[in-house]
Amino acid sequence: MFLNSAKQDFIVVAILFLTSFLVPQDPKLDAYPKCDGKTVITIDRSSCFGGCPVYSAEIHSDGTVVYVGKSYVLQKGEKYGEISPQKLQELIKEFRRINYFSLKDRYETDESGNTVSDLPTTTTSICLDGRKKTVVNYAYAPRELHDLEHKIEELAGLNKFIVGRP
């Protein structure tokens, strides 16, 4: 039995569409993923073998701050806050000052390839000018990245959820 031309065309398009998901994508084609327009800055701190604070937070373009405390924090669960437009701009200025988009994607080893164990991982990201950049900081990151992580906590008001200080 033969299919009419329209059915054949549909089947060919469907097969091409489905197989396109099986073809690996070149990550260099999209070095900076597109932004969703809502989330501007994120921070995520993971656990260590001790009492390291474990939480994540999103800072949205409208000033909404969404915090999710997991363990070794003062406040567990989802909490909401706000960041002023001025403080959000100050954070964005700090990302630009340290040339965040030129940082390595991952900091896990020293120049010789050595690493350490028992450290928490801090992952930050920013969506800016239509581009998104994420940096994973486990060890050996530049001092400016550590300072930025603390600045995010301070300006977004996260410290009151993490350690109980403003």
Protein backbone atom coordinates (compact mmCIF):
# COMPACT_ATOMS: atom_id res chain seq x y z
CA MET A 1 0.00 0.00 0.00
CA PHE A 2 1.38 3.40 -0.97
CA LEU A 3 0.97 6.59 1.05
CA ASN A 4 -0.12 9.80 -0.57
CA SER A 5 2.41 12.61 -0.93
CA ALA A 6 1.18 14.61 2.08
CA LYS A 7 1.46 11.60 4.41
CA GLN A 8 4.94 10.80 3.10
CA ASP A 9 6.04 14.39 3.67
CA PHE A 10 4.62 14.32 7.21
CA ILE A 11 6.44 11.07 8.04
CA VAL A 12 9.76 12.40 6.70
CA VAL A 13 9.42 15.62 8.72
CA ALA A 14 8.47 13.67 11.85
CA ILE A 15 11.48 11.37 11.49
CA LEU A 16 13.84 14.31 10.94
CA PHE A 17 12.36 16.12 13.94
CA LEU A 18 12.69 13.13 16.27
CA THR A 19 16.21 12.21 15.15
CA SER A 20 17.39 15.80 15.67
CA PHE A 21 17.26 15.13 19.42
CA LEU A 22 19.69 12.24 19.02
CA VAL A 23 22.39 14.33 17.34
CA PRO A 24 24.83 15.72 19.91
CA GLN A 25 24.99 19.49 19.97
CA ASP A 26 28.30 21.33 19.86
CA PRO A 27 28.49 23.22 23.19
CA LYS A 28 30.64 25.93 21.58
CA LEU A 29 27.71 26.89 19.34
CA ASP A 30 25.87 28.21 22.39
CA ALA A 31 28.59 29.22 24.84
CA TYR A 32 26.20 31.62 26.53
CA PRO A 33 22.68 30.18 26.73
CA LYS A 34 19.78 32.55 26.23
CA CYS A 35 18.20 34.10 29.29
CA ASP A 36 14.62 33.58 30.37
CA GLY A 37 14.29 37.27 31.21
CA LYS A 38 13.10 36.65 34.78
CA THR A 39 16.05 35.26 36.72
CA VAL A 40 19.00 37.61 36.76
CA ILE A 41 21.36 36.14 39.36
CA THR A 42 21.56 32.78 41.13
CA ILE A 43 23.71 31.32 43.88
CA ASP A 44 23.76 27.74 45.10
CA ARG A 45 25.89 26.46 47.95
CA SER A 46 26.32 22.70 48.37
CA SER A 47 27.25 20.61 51.38
CA CYS A 48 30.61 19.59 52.72
CA PHE A 49 31.55 16.93 55.27
CA GLY A 50 30.85 19.41 58.06
CA GLY A 51 28.31 22.08 58.85
CA CYS A 52 28.44 24.16 55.67
CA PRO A 53 25.27 26.10 54.83
CA VAL A 54 23.33 24.44 52.00
CA TYR A 55 20.90 26.69 50.14
CA SER A 56 20.03 28.21 46.80
CA ALA A 57 18.69 31.61 45.85
CA GLU A 58 17.42 33.38 42.75
CA ILE A 59 17.31 37.12 42.26
CA HIS A 60 14.70 38.10 39.68
CA SER A 61 14.66 41.17 37.46
CA ASP A 62 11.61 42.54 39.29
CA GLY A 63 13.55 42.53 42.59
CA THR A 64 12.04 39.31 43.96
CA VAL A 65 14.48 37.13 45.86
CA VAL A 66 13.62 33.45 46.26
CA TYR A 67 15.68 31.57 48.85
CA VAL A 68 15.51 27.83 49.53
CA GLY A 69 17.30 26.73 52.70
CA LYS A 70 18.22 23.06 52.91
CA SER A 71 20.58 22.38 55.82
CA TYR A 72 22.92 24.09 58.26
CA VAL A 73 21.06 27.36 57.78
CA LEU A 74 18.96 29.44 60.13
CA GLN A 75 15.87 29.25 57.92
CA LYS A 76 14.97 26.06 56.06
CA GLY A 77 12.47 25.95 53.22
CA GLU A 78 11.40 28.56 50.73
CA LYS A 79 11.51 32.21 51.78
CA TYR A 80 10.88 35.38 49.81
CA GLY A 81 12.49 38.77 49.95
CA GLU A 82 13.18 41.80 47.82
CA ILE A 83 16.23 43.58 46.53
CA SER A 84 16.07 47.25 45.63
CA PRO A 85 16.80 48.30 42.04
CA GLN A 86 19.89 50.11 43.34
CA LYS A 87 21.28 47.02 45.06
CA LEU A 88 20.51 44.87 42.02
CA GLN A 89 22.41 47.34 39.83
CA GLU A 90 25.28 47.31 42.34
CA LEU A 91 25.46 43.52 42.04
CA ILE A 92 25.37 43.65 38.24
CA LYS A 93 28.13 46.27 38.34
CA GLU A 94 30.20 43.91 40.52
CA PHE A 95 29.74 41.04 38.02
CA ARG A 96 30.98 43.37 35.28
CA ARG A 97 33.86 44.70 37.39
CA ILE A 98 35.34 41.23 37.88
CA ASN A 99 34.76 40.33 34.20
CA TYR A 100 32.51 37.44 35.21
CA PHE A 101 31.95 36.36 31.59
CA SER A 102 35.70 35.87 31.16
CA LEU A 103 36.06 33.64 34.25
CA LYS A 104 36.58 29.91 33.79
CA ASP A 105 33.39 27.84 33.94
CA ARG A 106 34.80 25.65 36.72
CA TYR A 107 37.36 26.08 39.50
CA GLU A 108 38.21 22.65 40.87
CA THR A 109 41.98 22.18 40.65
CA ASP A 110 45.13 24.23 40.95
CA GLU A 111 47.50 24.87 38.03
CA SER A 112 49.08 21.43 38.54
CA GLY A 113 45.76 19.59 38.51
CA ASN A 114 45.72 18.98 42.26
CA THR A 115 42.52 19.31 44.24
CA VAL A 116 41.32 19.02 47.82
CA SER A 117 38.36 17.28 49.41
CA ASP A 118 35.64 18.25 51.86
CA LEU A 119 34.89 21.69 50.43
CA PRO A 120 31.45 22.99 49.58
CA THR A 121 30.75 24.00 45.99
CA THR A 122 29.30 27.41 45.22
CA THR A 123 27.67 27.89 41.84
CA THR A 124 26.74 31.36 40.67
CA SER A 125 25.16 32.58 37.47
CA ILE A 126 24.04 35.77 35.83
CA CYS A 127 21.76 36.51 32.93
CA LEU A 128 22.90 39.78 31.41
CA ASP A 129 22.63 41.42 28.00
CA GLY A 130 20.85 38.33 26.64
CA ARG A 131 23.65 35.96 27.73
CA LYS A 132 23.88 33.57 30.65
CA LYS A 133 27.09 32.53 32.38
CA THR A 134 27.49 30.00 35.18
CA VAL A 135 30.63 29.52 37.28
CA VAL A 136 31.24 26.55 39.59
CA ASN A 137 33.60 27.32 42.47
CA TYR A 138 34.92 24.32 44.36
CA ALA A 139 38.53 25.37 44.93
CA TYR A 140 41.25 27.70 43.68
CA ALA A 141 38.95 30.42 42.35
CA PRO A 142 40.12 34.03 42.24
CA ARG A 143 39.50 36.12 45.36
CA GLU A 144 37.14 38.37 43.36
CA LEU A 145 34.74 35.45 42.82
CA HIS A 146 34.63 34.67 46.56
CA ASP A 147 34.01 38.36 47.26
CA LEU A 148 31.19 38.39 44.69
CA GLU A 149 29.53 35.38 46.33
CA HIS A 150 29.51 37.19 49.68
CA LYS A 151 28.27 40.39 48.03
CA ILE A 152 25.31 38.47 46.57
CA GLU A 153 24.42 37.17 50.05
CA GLU A 154 24.78 40.62 51.59
CA LEU A 155 22.94 42.76 49.02
CA ALA A 156 20.13 40.25 48.42
CA GLY A 157 19.51 39.98 52.18
CA LEU A 158 20.30 36.27 52.30
CA ASN A 159 22.41 36.44 55.47
CA LYS A 160 19.32 36.74 57.67
CA PHE A 161 18.20 33.31 56.41
CA ILE A 162 21.63 31.70 56.49
CA VAL A 163 23.27 32.89 59.72
CA GLY A 164 20.77 35.20 61.34
CA ARG A 165 22.49 38.51 60.68
CA PRO A 166 21.34 41.25 58.29
